[in-house]
Amino acid sequence: MDPLAFAVHGGIDEAGYGPMLGPLTFGFSAFRLEDRAGTLDWARLGGAVSEHPKDDAVRLIVADSKKVFTRNPRGSRRLELTALSFLRAAGASVTDGHALLATAPPAVAPTEADLAAHPWYAALPGELPVHADRAALDDHRDRLESTLEASATGVAAAGAVVIPAGKLNASFAATGNKGASLWAFHSEILLDLFERFGPEGLHMTVDRLGGRARYGPLLSSLIPFSTVRVLHESRIESHYLVTTPGRRMKIRFIQKGDTLSLPVALGSCLAKYAREMVMDAFNEHFCAACPDVKPTAGYVTDARRWLVDLEAKAPSLLRSTESLIRTR
C-alpha cells in the first residue's frame, strides 16, 4: 500500500452567503476508503445514491443543493432524507433541530448566548424528520448502510455549522471584510478535519472562495509549523499539499466543487438543510407574533419586503436589529 495514499476524502460547502436575513451555514463530510487508492464518486455508492433528482424514489440525492431542494413538499422531503441518512451513517444522533446544530466542530458551534440573542432558534423542531415519512427514512438509511458496507466505504464525519446573523455581524465588524469572515469560519472546519483525519491522509475539496486563486499563505497561517507545497494554481482551481509531523492533507479549491466532488455535494445538502430548518423556525417565530406578515426565505428582495411589512404591522419587533439584519 502506498504510504502517501489518502484514506479520507472530505468536502466543505456553504449556503446562505448572500441573504439579508437568517444564518450563514456550512456543511461538511468525510468518507473513509478501505482501498486507499480507490475513487470516491457517485458510482461507488450507486446502490443508494444518485445525483439526479428524478431518482429520489429509490435513492438519496447528493448534488448541488439547488438541484436537490425545491420549495415544495417533494423537494423538502428529498433534502431531509439525504441529510438525515448520511448524518446517521456518520454516527450522529440527530433527532431534533438542536441536535443538528451540535454536529458542528466546537470552535464554531452556536453557544447558548448565540441562541439567546436569536430567540427564534427556540422554534427549531423538537423531533425529526419533519418532511419525510419515518418508514421511508429507515428504508433509505438501511440501503445506504448496505451500500457503504459493500463498497468498503465509511462515513467518517458529517455535520452542519450554523452561524446566526448576530454572530456573523460581529465577525464582519472584526474583519471588515466579508470574504475574510467566510474564511474565518471555513478554516475552523478545515482545521478540525485535519486534526482528526490528517494522520490517515486527508484529501479535501473545497469550493473556491470568491475570486481568490492563492491559498498558500492562508493555509500556512491556519496550521502552524506546517509545510505547504503549491501543486497548482489557476483561476479555476488551486491544489496544495500540507504536511506536519504525523499529518498530511492534499487540498484543492475548485469552482463548482459540488458538481465534481461527492463530499462537497453532500456538504452543500447539509448546509442547505440546516439553513432551511432555521428559516422555518424564524418564520414560525415571527408569524406567531405577527400573523399578517408572510414568511420569507431571507434573500435580499423578499427580505426587504418582509422588513417593510413587519415595520408597518409590528414595529416593536424591529427595535433591535443587530441579531436580525446582516450588515453585509
Protein backbone atom coordinates (compact mmCIF):
# COMPACT_ATOMS: atom_id res chain seq x y z
CA MET A 1 0.00 0.00 0.00
CA ASP A 2 1.25 3.45 -0.91
CA PRO A 3 2.11 5.20 2.38
CA LEU A 4 1.30 8.53 0.74
CA ALA A 5 -2.21 7.50 -0.29
CA PHE A 6 -5.11 9.32 1.31
CA ALA A 7 -7.63 7.24 3.22
CA VAL A 8 -10.16 10.00 3.98
CA HIS A 9 -11.84 12.17 1.35
CA GLY A 10 -13.66 15.26 2.57
CA GLY A 11 -15.50 18.33 1.37
CA ILE A 12 -17.00 21.59 2.65
CA ASP A 13 -19.63 23.88 1.15
CA GLU A 14 -21.78 26.75 2.38
CA ALA A 15 -25.32 28.04 1.96
CA GLY A 16 -26.79 31.46 2.58
CA TYR A 17 -23.77 33.62 1.76
CA GLY A 18 -25.86 36.29 0.06
CA PRO A 19 -29.15 36.71 2.01
CA MET A 20 -30.06 39.66 4.23
CA LEU A 21 -31.82 37.58 6.88
CA GLY A 22 -31.02 34.26 8.52
CA PRO A 23 -27.78 32.37 9.12
CA LEU A 24 -24.78 31.55 7.04
CA THR A 25 -24.43 27.76 7.11
CA PHE A 26 -21.73 25.27 6.21
CA GLY A 27 -21.93 21.56 5.58
CA PHE A 28 -19.01 19.15 5.74
CA SER A 29 -18.47 15.47 5.14
CA ALA A 30 -15.63 12.97 5.10
CA PHE A 31 -15.53 9.40 3.77
CA ARG A 32 -13.01 6.72 4.69
CA LEU A 33 -11.98 4.33 1.89
CA GLU A 34 -10.59 0.94 2.84
CA ASP A 35 -8.86 0.81 -0.55
CA ARG A 36 -6.76 3.95 -0.25
CA ALA A 37 -6.06 4.06 -3.97
CA GLY A 38 -9.77 3.86 -4.76
CA THR A 39 -12.02 6.56 -6.16
CA LEU A 40 -14.86 8.17 -4.28
CA ASP A 41 -17.59 9.13 -6.71
CA TRP A 42 -21.30 8.69 -7.30
CA ALA A 43 -20.78 5.30 -8.99
CA ARG A 44 -19.14 3.89 -5.86
CA LEU A 45 -22.33 4.48 -3.88
CA GLY A 46 -24.71 3.97 -6.80
CA GLY A 47 -26.76 1.36 -4.98
CA ALA A 48 -28.13 4.05 -2.67
CA VAL A 49 -27.13 7.43 -4.09
CA SER A 50 -27.77 9.41 -7.26
CA GLU A 51 -27.06 12.95 -8.42
CA HIS A 52 -30.29 13.05 -10.42
CA PRO A 53 -33.38 14.33 -8.55
CA LYS A 54 -35.71 12.14 -10.63
CA ASP A 55 -34.22 9.10 -8.85
CA ASP A 56 -35.44 10.24 -5.43
CA ALA A 57 -38.00 7.45 -5.01
CA VAL A 58 -35.29 4.81 -4.58
CA ARG A 59 -32.04 6.73 -3.99
CA LEU A 60 -30.74 9.54 -1.85
CA ILE A 61 -29.93 12.59 -3.97
CA VAL A 62 -26.48 14.07 -3.40
CA ALA A 63 -25.79 17.06 -5.63
CA ASP A 64 -25.67 20.82 -5.61
CA SER A 65 -28.40 21.70 -3.11
CA LYS A 66 -30.05 23.95 -5.69
CA LYS A 67 -30.83 20.76 -7.62
CA VAL A 68 -31.78 18.70 -4.58
CA PHE A 69 -34.03 21.24 -2.85
CA THR A 70 -37.10 22.82 -4.37
CA ARG A 71 -39.52 24.86 -2.30
CA ASN A 72 -42.31 22.26 -2.29
CA PRO A 73 -43.06 19.09 -0.27
CA ARG A 74 -41.10 16.80 -2.60
CA GLY A 75 -38.02 19.00 -2.53
CA SER A 76 -38.11 19.36 1.26
CA ARG A 77 -38.53 15.61 1.66
CA ARG A 78 -35.67 14.87 -0.75
CA LEU A 79 -33.25 17.15 1.09
CA GLU A 80 -34.20 15.85 4.52
CA LEU A 81 -33.83 12.20 3.54
CA THR A 82 -30.32 12.85 2.25
CA ALA A 83 -29.21 14.89 5.26
CA LEU A 84 -30.59 12.62 7.99
CA SER A 85 -29.46 9.38 6.30
CA PHE A 86 -25.84 10.49 5.99
CA LEU A 87 -25.77 12.02 9.46
CA ARG A 88 -26.81 8.68 10.94
CA ALA A 89 -24.23 6.88 8.81
CA ALA A 90 -21.63 9.20 10.37
CA GLY A 91 -22.80 8.20 13.84
CA ALA A 92 -24.62 11.46 14.64
CA SER A 93 -27.88 11.08 16.54
CA VAL A 94 -29.85 13.95 15.04
CA THR A 95 -33.37 13.58 16.35
CA ASP A 96 -34.23 17.28 16.70
CA GLY A 97 -33.16 20.68 15.44
CA HIS A 98 -30.78 21.49 18.28
CA ALA A 99 -29.01 18.16 17.77
CA LEU A 100 -28.28 19.22 14.19
CA LEU A 101 -26.59 22.39 15.49
CA ALA A 102 -24.48 20.20 17.79
CA THR A 103 -22.86 18.39 14.83
CA ALA A 104 -20.61 21.44 14.29
CA PRO A 105 -16.98 21.45 15.46
CA PRO A 106 -16.84 23.01 18.95
CA ALA A 107 -14.95 26.09 17.76
CA VAL A 108 -17.84 27.19 15.52
CA ALA A 109 -20.90 25.62 17.17
CA PRO A 110 -23.51 28.17 18.33
CA THR A 111 -23.23 28.93 22.03
CA GLU A 112 -26.11 29.35 24.45
CA ALA A 113 -25.51 33.11 24.27
CA ASP A 114 -25.73 33.00 20.47
CA LEU A 115 -29.07 31.22 20.64
CA ALA A 116 -30.42 33.50 23.37
CA ALA A 117 -29.69 36.51 21.16
CA HIS A 118 -31.75 34.92 18.38
CA PRO A 119 -34.98 33.79 20.11
CA TRP A 120 -36.43 32.16 17.00
CA TYR A 121 -33.99 29.26 17.45
CA ALA A 122 -36.31 28.11 20.24
CA ALA A 123 -38.76 27.20 17.46
CA LEU A 124 -36.39 24.62 15.90
CA PRO A 125 -38.21 21.29 15.52
CA GLY A 126 -38.39 19.13 18.60
CA GLU A 127 -38.50 15.99 16.51
CA LEU A 128 -37.07 14.93 13.15
CA PRO A 129 -37.94 14.10 10.43
CA VAL A 130 -40.37 16.91 9.64
CA HIS A 131 -40.89 16.49 5.88
CA ALA A 132 -40.12 12.82 5.28
CA ASP A 133 -42.00 9.71 6.29
CA ARG A 134 -40.14 7.82 9.00
CA ALA A 135 -40.56 4.46 7.25
CA ALA A 136 -39.11 5.90 4.04
CA LEU A 137 -36.22 7.36 6.02
CA ASP A 138 -35.48 3.97 7.58
CA ASP A 139 -35.53 2.31 4.14
CA HIS A 140 -33.07 4.84 2.72
CA ARG A 141 -30.82 4.56 5.75
CA ASP A 142 -30.71 0.78 5.51
CA ARG A 143 -29.96 0.90 1.78
CA LEU A 144 -27.20 3.43 2.34
CA GLU A 145 -25.57 1.38 5.08
CA SER A 146 -25.66 -1.77 2.92
CA THR A 147 -24.11 0.12 0.01
CA LEU A 148 -21.39 1.61 2.19
CA GLU A 149 -20.51 -1.82 3.55
CA ALA A 150 -20.48 -3.42 0.10
CA SER A 151 -18.21 -0.69 -1.27
CA ALA A 152 -15.80 -0.73 1.69
CA THR A 153 -16.63 2.89 2.43
CA GLY A 154 -17.37 4.58 5.73
CA VAL A 155 -18.84 7.99 6.52
CA ALA A 156 -16.15 9.27 8.85
CA ALA A 157 -17.82 12.62 9.53
CA ALA A 158 -20.81 14.71 8.53
CA GLY A 159 -22.34 17.79 10.04
CA ALA A 160 -23.60 21.33 9.69
CA VAL A 161 -22.35 24.63 11.06
CA VAL A 162 -24.87 27.42 11.67
CA ILE A 163 -23.62 30.99 12.06
CA PRO A 164 -26.52 33.15 13.32
CA ALA A 165 -26.82 36.65 11.83
CA GLY A 166 -25.65 38.39 15.00
CA LYS A 167 -22.52 36.27 15.22
CA LEU A 168 -21.90 36.87 11.53
CA ASN A 169 -22.26 40.64 12.01
CA ALA A 170 -19.75 40.52 14.86
CA SER A 171 -17.29 38.80 12.54
CA PHE A 172 -17.87 41.39 9.82
CA ALA A 173 -17.13 44.12 12.35
CA ALA A 174 -13.92 42.36 13.44
CA THR A 175 -12.58 41.57 9.96
CA GLY A 176 -14.06 44.45 7.96
CA ASN A 177 -14.33 42.06 5.05
CA LYS A 178 -17.00 39.55 4.05
CA GLY A 179 -14.52 37.18 2.40
CA ALA A 180 -12.26 37.22 5.47
CA SER A 181 -15.21 36.29 7.66
CA LEU A 182 -16.12 33.45 5.32
CA TRP A 183 -12.59 32.07 5.58
CA ALA A 184 -12.53 32.50 9.37
CA PHE A 185 -15.46 30.11 9.80
CA HIS A 186 -14.46 27.87 6.90
CA SER A 187 -10.96 27.42 8.26
CA GLU A 188 -12.15 26.21 11.66
CA ILE A 189 -13.98 23.32 9.98
CA LEU A 190 -10.94 22.56 7.84
CA LEU A 191 -8.65 22.59 10.87
CA ASP A 192 -10.96 20.25 12.78
CA LEU A 193 -10.96 17.74 9.91
CA PHE A 194 -7.19 18.00 9.53
CA GLU A 195 -6.65 17.30 13.22
CA ARG A 196 -9.00 14.32 13.15
CA PHE A 197 -8.06 12.69 9.85
CA GLY A 198 -4.64 14.05 8.93
CA PRO A 199 -2.87 11.01 10.44
CA GLU A 200 -4.65 8.78 7.88
CA GLY A 201 -4.07 11.15 4.99
CA LEU A 202 -6.87 13.62 4.20
CA HIS A 203 -7.87 14.62 0.67
CA MET A 204 -10.07 17.74 0.82
CA THR A 205 -12.07 19.51 -1.86
CA VAL A 206 -13.45 22.97 -1.19
CA ASP A 207 -15.43 25.34 -3.39
CA ARG A 208 -13.39 28.35 -4.49
CA LEU A 209 -13.82 31.24 -2.06
CA GLY A 210 -14.78 34.22 -4.22
CA GLY A 211 -12.14 35.15 -6.77
CA ARG A 212 -9.16 34.05 -4.67
CA ALA A 213 -6.59 31.90 -6.52
CA ARG A 214 -3.79 31.64 -3.94
CA TYR A 215 -4.41 29.95 -0.60
CA GLY A 216 -0.88 29.00 0.45
CA PRO A 217 -0.42 31.85 2.98
CA LEU A 218 -3.85 31.21 4.48
CA LEU A 219 -3.07 27.52 4.95
CA SER A 220 0.36 28.27 6.46
CA SER A 221 -1.22 30.64 8.98
CA LEU A 222 -4.00 28.20 9.78
CA ILE A 223 -1.73 25.24 10.51
CA PRO A 224 1.40 26.40 12.38
CA PHE A 225 4.71 24.63 11.73
CA SER A 226 3.29 23.12 8.55
CA THR A 227 4.92 22.78 5.17
CA VAL A 228 2.63 23.97 2.39
CA ARG A 229 3.62 22.90 -1.10
CA VAL A 230 1.90 24.54 -4.06
CA LEU A 231 0.93 21.85 -6.57
CA HIS A 232 -1.09 24.02 -8.95
CA GLU A 233 -2.68 27.47 -9.00
CA SER A 234 -5.00 28.92 -11.63
CA ARG A 235 -8.20 30.96 -11.96
CA ILE A 236 -10.23 27.72 -11.92
CA GLU A 237 -8.55 25.56 -9.28
CA SER A 238 -5.68 25.57 -6.82
CA HIS A 239 -4.05 22.48 -5.25
CA TYR A 240 -1.77 22.19 -2.20
CA LEU A 241 -0.05 19.55 -0.10
CA VAL A 242 0.03 20.41 3.61
CA THR A 243 2.18 18.35 5.95
CA THR A 244 3.09 18.42 9.62
CA PRO A 245 4.82 15.70 11.65
CA GLY A 246 2.30 12.84 11.62
CA ARG A 247 -0.33 14.50 9.41
CA ARG A 248 -0.80 15.24 5.73
CA MET A 249 -3.54 16.79 3.63
CA LYS A 250 -3.96 17.34 -0.06
CA ILE A 251 -6.47 20.12 -0.65
CA ARG A 252 -7.96 21.59 -3.79
CA PHE A 253 -10.01 24.76 -4.08
CA ILE A 254 -12.09 24.48 -7.23
CA GLN A 255 -15.01 26.12 -9.00
CA LYS A 256 -18.31 24.21 -8.92
CA GLY A 257 -16.91 21.72 -6.42
CA ASP A 258 -20.40 20.42 -5.65
CA THR A 259 -20.65 19.04 -9.21
CA LEU A 260 -17.22 17.37 -9.08
CA SER A 261 -16.89 16.03 -5.54
CA LEU A 262 -19.41 13.86 -3.71
CA PRO A 263 -18.23 15.08 -0.26
CA VAL A 264 -18.68 18.72 -1.34
CA ALA A 265 -22.11 17.95 -2.79
CA LEU A 266 -23.13 16.31 0.48
CA GLY A 267 -21.77 19.35 2.33
CA SER A 268 -23.97 21.53 0.13
CA CYS A 269 -27.03 19.46 1.07
CA LEU A 270 -26.24 19.56 4.79
CA ALA A 271 -25.67 23.31 4.71
CA LYS A 272 -28.95 23.89 2.88
CA TYR A 273 -30.87 21.59 5.21
CA ALA A 274 -29.59 23.50 8.23
CA ARG A 275 -30.40 26.90 6.75
CA GLU A 276 -33.92 25.86 5.70
CA MET A 277 -34.58 24.45 9.15
CA VAL A 278 -33.52 27.70 10.80
CA MET A 279 -35.57 29.81 8.38
CA ASP A 280 -38.63 27.67 9.11
CA ALA A 281 -38.10 28.41 12.82
CA PHE A 282 -37.55 32.09 12.02
CA ASN A 283 -40.85 32.30 10.16
CA GLU A 284 -42.71 30.33 12.82
CA HIS A 285 -41.46 32.73 15.49
CA PHE A 286 -42.34 35.93 13.66
CA CYS A 287 -45.63 34.66 12.23
CA ALA A 288 -46.72 33.77 15.76
CA ALA A 289 -46.01 37.36 16.81
CA CYS A 290 -47.47 38.91 13.65
CA PRO A 291 -49.62 36.51 11.58
CA ASP A 292 -50.25 39.15 8.89
CA VAL A 293 -46.62 39.10 7.73
CA LYS A 294 -45.93 36.44 5.10
CA PRO A 295 -42.89 34.17 5.59
CA THR A 296 -39.57 34.92 3.89
CA ALA A 297 -36.60 32.89 2.70
CA GLY A 298 -34.35 35.81 3.68
CA TYR A 299 -32.94 36.70 0.25
CA VAL A 300 -32.46 40.40 -0.36
CA THR A 301 -35.51 41.40 -2.41
CA ASP A 302 -38.01 39.44 -0.36
CA ALA A 303 -36.22 40.32 2.89
CA ARG A 304 -36.80 44.00 2.13
CA ARG A 305 -40.49 43.27 1.54
CA TRP A 306 -40.65 41.37 4.82
CA LEU A 307 -38.96 44.16 6.78
CA VAL A 308 -41.32 46.78 5.34
CA ASP A 309 -44.32 44.63 6.23
CA LEU A 310 -43.06 43.97 9.74
CA GLU A 311 -42.30 47.63 10.38
CA ALA A 312 -45.81 48.58 9.24
CA LYS A 313 -47.62 45.92 11.26
CA ALA A 314 -45.41 45.22 14.28
CA PRO A 315 -42.69 47.89 14.58
CA SER A 316 -41.84 46.85 18.14
CA LEU A 317 -40.27 43.67 16.72
CA LEU A 318 -37.66 45.79 14.93
CA ARG A 319 -36.38 47.73 17.93
CA SER A 320 -33.16 45.72 17.92
CA THR A 321 -31.81 44.54 14.58
CA GLU A 322 -28.17 43.61 15.22
CA SER A 323 -29.14 39.94 15.53
CA LEU A 324 -31.73 40.14 12.78
CA ILE A 325 -30.41 42.00 9.73
CA ARG A 326 -26.99 41.28 8.28
CA THR A 327 -24.70 44.27 7.87
CA ARG A 328 -23.03 42.86 4.74
